[in-house]
Amino acid sequence: MVVQKFILGPGKRHCGALPFSFLIMLFISLNLNTGWLFAVDQLNATWSFVVSMFLFISNCIALTYAAVNFSIFGKSLHQESNVDFWMGIGVLNAMAVYTTGSLVGFLESFTIFLSHEMKHDMYKVCTGIIILLHLLVILWFIIENTWLTYTFNTIVLHYGVLVWYVATMYPKQILQSTSAMNGLLISNVVVAVLALFFRIIILYSRNKHNKLYKMSTPGCNSHHADQNLEQKINNWY
């Protein structure tokens, strides 16, 4: 996936379906993940919050690199190798799961930091974080299905992480929460499930005839297709 060959005009050029910039950011992310685990193990709320924030940011950057690159090479991958095409989709979804998991970790670290280090009321902090998560899910659902339709076209599993998180969070809180908090938790579960359901429907409807990844010209090596791909490669790399 990193050194996939693409035929461009008379010669060949090695270009990654996954760019090296993605691998660099992933390397940084994995090191930050290790640092975050050490901070959590030492019960250091401040460092846990700071490192988890940078971990989430690095994952967002890595996912963006991979998604943009796949949007450039998706048609060529589908034309040349279905195996590489589906491997690319698998990598994107795995990275989306990892990124969403780091978001969950960041929100939990942020909650602990505000309540234990900044001495804010735990109930108010938890309420604010749950509302923030609620708004983030809705906002991201709108963005990825409008402005980022093609770039994030193949990503769906991140909503599965959200469903798992809010569904497991609700039973832990139900016995010690107020009715208002329980209402927010139930609302988050419903929103996450609906987002996953409608995301699957949208992706199925958009891709059932594979219009986005079919070449508009006959064959991957046509002159016009090569020129467009060459231009995109030069712009991205």
C-alpha atoms as a PDB file:
ATOM      1  CA  MET A   1       0.000   0.000   0.000  1.00  0.00           C
ATOM      2  CA  VAL A   2       2.902   2.387   0.612  1.00  0.00           C
ATOM      3  CA  VAL A   3       4.847   1.763  -2.627  1.00  0.00           C
ATOM      4  CA  GLN A   4       1.984   0.912  -4.977  1.00  0.00           C
ATOM      5  CA  LYS A   5       3.008   1.342  -8.640  1.00  0.00           C
ATOM      6  CA  PHE A   6       1.028   3.595 -10.934  1.00  0.00           C
ATOM      7  CA  ILE A   7       1.666   3.705 -14.673  1.00  0.00           C
ATOM      8  CA  LEU A   8       1.898   7.306 -15.815  1.00  0.00           C
ATOM      9  CA  GLY A   9       2.562   7.903 -19.499  1.00  0.00           C
ATOM     10  CA  PRO A  10       5.707   6.208 -20.780  1.00  0.00           C
ATOM     11  CA  GLY A  11       7.225   5.417 -17.385  1.00  0.00           C
ATOM     12  CA  LYS A  12       6.391   4.189 -13.923  1.00  0.00           C
ATOM     13  CA  ARG A  13       6.387   6.064 -10.684  1.00  0.00           C
ATOM     14  CA  HIS A  14       6.205   4.691  -7.171  1.00  0.00           C
ATOM     15  CA  CYS A  15       3.444   6.425  -5.225  1.00  0.00           C
ATOM     16  CA  GLY A  16       1.836   5.278  -2.053  1.00  0.00           C
ATOM     17  CA  ALA A  17      -1.834   4.629  -1.690  1.00  0.00           C
ATOM     18  CA  LEU A  18      -0.865   5.461   1.885  1.00  0.00           C
ATOM     19  CA  PRO A  19       1.605   8.371   1.942  1.00  0.00           C
ATOM     20  CA  PHE A  20       4.742   8.387   4.058  1.00  0.00           C
ATOM     21  CA  SER A  21       3.350  11.444   5.830  1.00  0.00           C
ATOM     22  CA  PHE A  22       0.611   9.157   7.171  1.00  0.00           C
ATOM     23  CA  LEU A  23       3.187   6.687   8.472  1.00  0.00           C
ATOM     24  CA  ILE A  24       5.149   9.479  10.150  1.00  0.00           C
ATOM     25  CA  MET A  25       2.048  10.794  11.913  1.00  0.00           C
ATOM     26  CA  LEU A  26       1.060   7.248  12.889  1.00  0.00           C
ATOM     27  CA  PHE A  27       4.522   6.712  14.388  1.00  0.00           C
ATOM     28  CA  ILE A  28       4.147   9.932  16.392  1.00  0.00           C
ATOM     29  CA  SER A  29       0.662   8.871  17.461  1.00  0.00           C
ATOM     30  CA  LEU A  30       1.795   5.474  18.718  1.00  0.00           C
ATOM     31  CA  ASN A  31       4.536   7.097  20.796  1.00  0.00           C
ATOM     32  CA  LEU A  32       2.043   9.576  22.233  1.00  0.00           C
ATOM     33  CA  ASN A  33      -0.262   6.669  23.008  1.00  0.00           C
ATOM     34  CA  THR A  34       2.508   5.035  25.017  1.00  0.00           C
ATOM     35  CA  GLY A  35       3.159   8.301  26.859  1.00  0.00           C
ATOM     36  CA  TRP A  36      -0.532   8.682  27.604  1.00  0.00           C
ATOM     37  CA  LEU A  37      -0.696   5.195  29.108  1.00  0.00           C
ATOM     38  CA  PHE A  38       2.274   6.026  31.356  1.00  0.00           C
ATOM     39  CA  ALA A  39       0.555   9.261  32.459  1.00  0.00           C
ATOM     40  CA  VAL A  40      -2.663   7.393  33.245  1.00  0.00           C
ATOM     41  CA  ASP A  41      -0.723   4.716  35.125  1.00  0.00           C
ATOM     42  CA  GLN A  42       0.940   7.419  37.253  1.00  0.00           C
ATOM     43  CA  LEU A  43      -2.464   9.058  37.906  1.00  0.00           C
ATOM     44  CA  ASN A  44      -1.161  12.327  36.484  1.00  0.00           C
ATOM     45  CA  ALA A  45      -4.340  14.081  35.341  1.00  0.00           C
ATOM     46  CA  THR A  46      -2.596  17.096  33.811  1.00  0.00           C
ATOM     47  CA  TRP A  47      -0.168  15.166  31.648  1.00  0.00           C
ATOM     48  CA  SER A  48      -2.866  12.668  30.760  1.00  0.00           C
ATOM     49  CA  PHE A  49      -5.019  15.525  29.452  1.00  0.00           C
ATOM     50  CA  VAL A  50      -2.177  17.183  27.524  1.00  0.00           C
ATOM     51  CA  VAL A  51      -0.842  13.994  25.926  1.00  0.00           C
ATOM     52  CA  SER A  52      -4.326  12.701  25.055  1.00  0.00           C
ATOM     53  CA  MET A  53      -5.055  16.014  23.326  1.00  0.00           C
ATOM     54  CA  PHE A  54      -1.938  15.761  21.156  1.00  0.00           C
ATOM     55  CA  LEU A  55      -2.694  12.082  20.534  1.00  0.00           C
ATOM     56  CA  PHE A  56      -6.133  12.942  19.183  1.00  0.00           C
ATOM     57  CA  ILE A  57      -4.739  15.768  17.029  1.00  0.00           C
ATOM     58  CA  SER A  58      -2.020  13.530  15.554  1.00  0.00           C
ATOM     59  CA  ASN A  59      -4.592  10.852  14.751  1.00  0.00           C
ATOM     60  CA  CYS A  60      -6.818  13.413  13.016  1.00  0.00           C
ATOM     61  CA  ILE A  61      -3.874  14.542  10.881  1.00  0.00           C
ATOM     62  CA  ALA A  62      -2.899  10.956  10.040  1.00  0.00           C
ATOM     63  CA  LEU A  63      -6.477  10.061   9.106  1.00  0.00           C
ATOM     64  CA  THR A  64      -6.719  13.160   6.911  1.00  0.00           C
ATOM     65  CA  TYR A  65      -3.504  12.251   5.074  1.00  0.00           C
ATOM     66  CA  ALA A  66      -4.770   8.724   4.437  1.00  0.00           C
ATOM     67  CA  ALA A  67      -8.279   9.808   3.395  1.00  0.00           C
ATOM     68  CA  VAL A  68      -7.115  12.526   1.005  1.00  0.00           C
ATOM     69  CA  ASN A  69      -4.555  10.199  -0.548  1.00  0.00           C
ATOM     70  CA  PHE A  70      -7.147   7.456  -1.016  1.00  0.00           C
ATOM     71  CA  SER A  71      -9.475   9.956  -2.679  1.00  0.00           C
ATOM     72  CA  ILE A  72      -6.678  10.637  -5.187  1.00  0.00           C
ATOM     73  CA  PHE A  73      -5.704   7.026  -5.878  1.00  0.00           C
ATOM     74  CA  GLY A  74      -9.035   5.287  -5.254  1.00  0.00           C
ATOM     75  CA  LYS A  75     -10.020   5.037  -8.920  1.00  0.00           C
ATOM     76  CA  SER A  76      -6.612   3.714  -9.973  1.00  0.00           C
ATOM     77  CA  LEU A  77      -6.543   1.216  -7.116  1.00  0.00           C
ATOM     78  CA  HIS A  78     -10.011  -0.050  -7.997  1.00  0.00           C
ATOM     79  CA  GLN A  79      -8.998  -0.390 -11.646  1.00  0.00           C
ATOM     80  CA  GLU A  80      -5.682  -2.118 -10.998  1.00  0.00           C
ATOM     81  CA  SER A  81      -6.275  -4.216  -7.866  1.00  0.00           C
ATOM     82  CA  ASN A  82      -9.429  -4.830  -5.851  1.00  0.00           C
ATOM     83  CA  VAL A  83      -7.266  -6.270  -3.076  1.00  0.00           C
ATOM     84  CA  ASP A  84      -5.347  -3.014  -2.655  1.00  0.00           C
ATOM     85  CA  PHE A  85      -8.578  -1.044  -2.972  1.00  0.00           C
ATOM     86  CA  TRP A  86     -10.269  -2.918  -0.122  1.00  0.00           C
ATOM     87  CA  MET A  87      -7.076  -2.895   1.928  1.00  0.00           C
ATOM     88  CA  GLY A  88      -7.131   0.885   1.632  1.00  0.00           C
ATOM     89  CA  ILE A  89     -10.725   0.984   2.853  1.00  0.00           C
ATOM     90  CA  GLY A  90      -9.773  -1.295   5.737  1.00  0.00           C
ATOM     91  CA  VAL A  91      -6.862   0.943   6.733  1.00  0.00           C
ATOM     92  CA  LEU A  92      -9.080   4.042   6.646  1.00  0.00           C
ATOM     93  CA  ASN A  93     -11.729   2.444   8.842  1.00  0.00           C
ATOM     94  CA  ALA A  94      -9.144   1.062  11.262  1.00  0.00           C
ATOM     95  CA  MET A  95      -7.596   4.515  11.527  1.00  0.00           C
ATOM     96  CA  ALA A  96     -11.049   6.043  12.036  1.00  0.00           C
ATOM     97  CA  VAL A  97     -11.699   3.600  14.886  1.00  0.00           C
ATOM     98  CA  TYR A  98      -8.334   4.482  16.459  1.00  0.00           C
ATOM     99  CA  THR A  99      -9.007   8.215  16.072  1.00  0.00           C
ATOM    100  CA  THR A 100     -12.474   7.956  17.604  1.00  0.00           C
ATOM    101  CA  GLY A 101     -11.063   5.928  20.477  1.00  0.00           C
ATOM    102  CA  SER A 102      -8.472   8.645  21.085  1.00  0.00           C
ATOM    103  CA  LEU A 103     -11.291  11.229  21.101  1.00  0.00           C
ATOM    104  CA  VAL A 104     -13.071   9.232  23.795  1.00  0.00           C
ATOM    105  CA  GLY A 105      -9.834   9.010  25.790  1.00  0.00           C
ATOM    106  CA  PHE A 106      -9.270  12.744  25.413  1.00  0.00           C
ATOM    107  CA  LEU A 107     -12.779  13.587  26.638  1.00  0.00           C
ATOM    108  CA  GLU A 108     -12.353  11.328  29.663  1.00  0.00           C
ATOM    109  CA  SER A 109      -8.941  12.829  30.463  1.00  0.00           C
ATOM    110  CA  PHE A 110     -10.397  16.317  30.023  1.00  0.00           C
ATOM    111  CA  THR A 111     -13.202  15.443  32.437  1.00  0.00           C
ATOM    112  CA  ILE A 112     -10.768  14.199  35.086  1.00  0.00           C
ATOM    113  CA  PHE A 113      -8.514  17.233  34.595  1.00  0.00           C
ATOM    114  CA  LEU A 114     -11.367  19.721  35.043  1.00  0.00           C
ATOM    115  CA  SER A 115     -12.855  17.970  38.056  1.00  0.00           C
ATOM    116  CA  HIS A 116      -9.713  16.926  39.968  1.00  0.00           C
ATOM    117  CA  GLU A 117      -7.086  19.485  38.964  1.00  0.00           C
ATOM    118  CA  MET A 118      -9.253  22.548  38.284  1.00  0.00           C
ATOM    119  CA  LYS A 119     -11.695  21.610  41.097  1.00  0.00           C
ATOM    120  CA  HIS A 120     -14.843  22.112  39.023  1.00  0.00           C
ATOM    121  CA  ASP A 121     -18.056  20.354  40.020  1.00  0.00           C
ATOM    122  CA  MET A 122     -17.988  16.794  38.674  1.00  0.00           C
ATOM    123  CA  TYR A 123     -21.680  16.750  37.787  1.00  0.00           C
ATOM    124  CA  LYS A 124     -21.444  19.969  35.776  1.00  0.00           C
ATOM    125  CA  VAL A 125     -18.289  18.808  34.018  1.00  0.00           C
ATOM    126  CA  CYS A 126     -19.821  15.444  33.056  1.00  0.00           C
ATOM    127  CA  THR A 127     -22.967  17.166  31.826  1.00  0.00           C
ATOM    128  CA  GLY A 128     -20.920  19.547  29.690  1.00  0.00           C
ATOM    129  CA  ILE A 129     -18.791  16.741  28.223  1.00  0.00           C
ATOM    130  CA  ILE A 130     -21.848  14.643  27.357  1.00  0.00           C
ATOM    131  CA  ILE A 131     -23.494  17.623  25.644  1.00  0.00           C
ATOM    132  CA  LEU A 132     -20.227  18.339  23.800  1.00  0.00           C
ATOM    133  CA  LEU A 133     -20.025  14.736  22.577  1.00  0.00           C
ATOM    134  CA  HIS A 134     -23.657  14.954  21.474  1.00  0.00           C
ATOM    135  CA  LEU A 135     -22.947  18.080  19.422  1.00  0.00           C
ATOM    136  CA  LEU A 136     -19.708  16.694  17.967  1.00  0.00           C
ATOM    137  CA  VAL A 137     -21.467  13.585  16.637  1.00  0.00           C
ATOM    138  CA  ILE A 138     -24.190  15.650  14.958  1.00  0.00           C
ATOM    139  CA  LEU A 139     -21.730  18.195  13.555  1.00  0.00           C
ATOM    140  CA  TRP A 140     -19.356  15.560  12.177  1.00  0.00           C
ATOM    141  CA  PHE A 141     -22.219  13.588  10.637  1.00  0.00           C
ATOM    142  CA  ILE A 142     -23.295  16.702   8.727  1.00  0.00           C
ATOM    143  CA  ILE A 143     -19.759  17.612   7.632  1.00  0.00           C
ATOM    144  CA  GLU A 144     -18.706  14.166   6.402  1.00  0.00           C
ATOM    145  CA  ASN A 145     -21.932  13.714   4.435  1.00  0.00           C
ATOM    146  CA  THR A 146     -21.810  17.147   2.779  1.00  0.00           C
ATOM    147  CA  TRP A 147     -18.415  18.846   2.462  1.00  0.00           C
ATOM    148  CA  LEU A 148     -16.307  15.674   2.807  1.00  0.00           C
ATOM    149  CA  THR A 149     -18.522  13.367   0.770  1.00  0.00           C
ATOM    150  CA  TYR A 150     -15.748  11.995  -1.452  1.00  0.00           C
ATOM    151  CA  THR A 151     -12.750  12.291   0.876  1.00  0.00           C
ATOM    152  CA  PHE A 152     -14.345  10.276   3.711  1.00  0.00           C
ATOM    153  CA  ASN A 153     -16.627   8.230   1.475  1.00  0.00           C
ATOM    154  CA  THR A 154     -15.549   4.778   2.688  1.00  0.00           C
ATOM    155  CA  ILE A 155     -15.407   5.416   6.452  1.00  0.00           C
ATOM    156  CA  VAL A 156     -18.179   4.082   8.702  1.00  0.00           C
ATOM    157  CA  LEU A 157     -16.780   2.104  11.654  1.00  0.00           C
ATOM    158  CA  HIS A 158     -16.057   5.183  13.787  1.00  0.00           C
ATOM    159  CA  TYR A 159     -19.757   5.344  14.647  1.00  0.00           C
ATOM    160  CA  GLY A 160     -19.502   1.799  15.971  1.00  0.00           C
ATOM    161  CA  VAL A 161     -16.960   3.032  18.532  1.00  0.00           C
ATOM    162  CA  LEU A 162     -19.335   5.803  19.607  1.00  0.00           C
ATOM    163  CA  VAL A 163     -22.253   3.386  19.938  1.00  0.00           C
ATOM    164  CA  TRP A 164     -20.123   1.063  22.071  1.00  0.00           C
ATOM    165  CA  TYR A 165     -18.861   3.925  24.241  1.00  0.00           C
ATOM    166  CA  VAL A 166     -22.184   5.612  25.000  1.00  0.00           C
ATOM    167  CA  ALA A 167     -23.965   2.259  25.373  1.00  0.00           C
ATOM    168  CA  THR A 168     -21.451   1.037  27.973  1.00  0.00           C
ATOM    169  CA  MET A 169     -21.319   4.414  29.711  1.00  0.00           C
ATOM    170  CA  TYR A 170     -25.081   4.469  30.351  1.00  0.00           C
ATOM    171  CA  PRO A 171     -25.332   1.364  32.631  1.00  0.00           C
ATOM    172  CA  LYS A 172     -22.364   2.647  34.701  1.00  0.00           C
ATOM    173  CA  GLN A 173     -24.047   5.984  35.367  1.00  0.00           C
ATOM    174  CA  ILE A 174     -27.738   5.107  35.587  1.00  0.00           C
ATOM    175  CA  LEU A 175     -27.748   4.242  39.308  1.00  0.00           C
ATOM    176  CA  GLN A 176     -25.939   7.401  40.413  1.00  0.00           C
ATOM    177  CA  SER A 177     -27.280   9.946  37.921  1.00  0.00           C
ATOM    178  CA  THR A 178     -30.221  12.307  37.978  1.00  0.00           C
ATOM    179  CA  SER A 179     -33.110  12.000  35.570  1.00  0.00           C
ATOM    180  CA  ALA A 180     -31.677  14.883  33.514  1.00  0.00           C
ATOM    181  CA  MET A 181     -28.318  13.124  33.191  1.00  0.00           C
ATOM    182  CA  ASN A 182     -30.022   9.854  32.287  1.00  0.00           C
ATOM    183  CA  GLY A 183     -31.952  11.710  29.606  1.00  0.00           C
ATOM    184  CA  LEU A 184     -28.711  13.044  28.134  1.00  0.00           C
ATOM    185  CA  LEU A 185     -27.126   9.591  28.196  1.00  0.00           C
ATOM    186  CA  ILE A 186     -30.123   8.013  26.461  1.00  0.00           C
ATOM    187  CA  SER A 187     -30.114  10.839  23.925  1.00  0.00           C
ATOM    188  CA  ASN A 188     -26.440  10.179  23.175  1.00  0.00           C
ATOM    189  CA  VAL A 189     -27.122   6.478  22.656  1.00  0.00           C
ATOM    190  CA  VAL A 190     -29.990   7.243  20.276  1.00  0.00           C
ATOM    191  CA  VAL A 191     -27.968   9.803  18.306  1.00  0.00           C
ATOM    192  CA  ALA A 192     -24.976   7.453  17.947  1.00  0.00           C
ATOM    193  CA  VAL A 193     -27.154   4.545  16.791  1.00  0.00           C
ATOM    194  CA  LEU A 194     -29.047   6.734  14.319  1.00  0.00           C
ATOM    195  CA  ALA A 195     -25.794   8.194  12.989  1.00  0.00           C
ATOM    196  CA  LEU A 196     -24.416   4.686  12.376  1.00  0.00           C
ATOM    197  CA  PHE A 197     -27.679   3.517  10.778  1.00  0.00           C
ATOM    198  CA  PHE A 198     -28.039   6.467   8.416  1.00  0.00           C
ATOM    199  CA  ARG A 199     -24.328   6.486   7.594  1.00  0.00           C
ATOM    200  CA  ILE A 200     -24.597   2.875   6.399  1.00  0.00           C
ATOM    201  CA  ILE A 201     -27.672   3.722   4.314  1.00  0.00           C
ATOM    202  CA  ILE A 202     -25.992   6.792   2.803  1.00  0.00           C
ATOM    203  CA  LEU A 203     -22.818   4.902   1.899  1.00  0.00           C
ATOM    204  CA  TYR A 204     -24.795   2.019   0.414  1.00  0.00           C
ATOM    205  CA  SER A 205     -26.936   4.350  -1.683  1.00  0.00           C
ATOM    206  CA  ARG A 206     -23.920   6.343  -2.839  1.00  0.00           C
ATOM    207  CA  ASN A 207     -21.703   3.369  -3.692  1.00  0.00           C
ATOM    208  CA  LYS A 208     -24.042   0.566  -4.786  1.00  0.00           C
ATOM    209  CA  HIS A 209     -23.240   1.224  -8.460  1.00  0.00           C
ATOM    210  CA  ASN A 210     -19.640   2.215  -7.662  1.00  0.00           C
ATOM    211  CA  LYS A 211     -19.925   5.502  -9.549  1.00  0.00           C
ATOM    212  CA  LEU A 212     -17.256   7.278  -7.511  1.00  0.00           C
ATOM    213  CA  TYR A 213     -14.474   4.815  -8.311  1.00  0.00           C
ATOM    214  CA  LYS A 214     -15.216   3.969 -11.921  1.00  0.00           C
ATOM    215  CA  MET A 215     -12.865   5.484 -14.444  1.00  0.00           C
ATOM    216  CA  SER A 216     -14.540   8.056 -16.659  1.00  0.00           C
ATOM    217  CA  THR A 217     -12.163   7.074 -19.447  1.00  0.00           C
ATOM    218  CA  PRO A 218     -11.622   3.553 -20.830  1.00  0.00           C
ATOM    219  CA  GLY A 219      -8.680   2.058 -18.998  1.00  0.00           C
ATOM    220  CA  CYS A 220      -6.331   3.286 -16.359  1.00  0.00           C
ATOM    221  CA  ASN A 221      -3.592   4.208 -18.809  1.00  0.00           C
ATOM    222  CA  SER A 222      -5.475   6.637 -21.013  1.00  0.00           C
ATOM    223  CA  HIS A 223      -3.625   9.893 -21.626  1.00  0.00           C
ATOM    224  CA  HIS A 224      -6.278  12.113 -20.059  1.00  0.00           C
ATOM    225  CA  ALA A 225      -6.541  10.009 -16.911  1.00  0.00           C
ATOM    226  CA  ASP A 226      -2.751   9.913 -16.585  1.00  0.00           C
ATOM    227  CA  GLN A 227      -2.490  13.688 -16.855  1.00  0.00           C
ATOM    228  CA  ASN A 228      -5.101  14.212 -14.139  1.00  0.00           C
ATOM    229  CA  LEU A 229      -3.484  11.658 -11.840  1.00  0.00           C
ATOM    230  CA  GLU A 230      -0.023  13.126 -12.463  1.00  0.00           C
ATOM    231  CA  GLN A 231      -1.265  16.593 -11.563  1.00  0.00           C
ATOM    232  CA  LYS A 232      -2.903  15.351  -8.341  1.00  0.00           C
ATOM    233  CA  ILE A 233       0.270  13.490  -7.351  1.00  0.00           C
ATOM    234  CA  ASN A 234       2.451  16.544  -7.914  1.00  0.00           C
ATOM    235  CA  ASN A 235       0.067  18.724  -5.915  1.00  0.00           C
ATOM    236  CA  TRP A 236      -0.121  16.267  -3.008  1.00  0.00           C
ATOM    237  CA  TYR A 237       3.528  15.211  -2.852  1.00  0.00           C
END
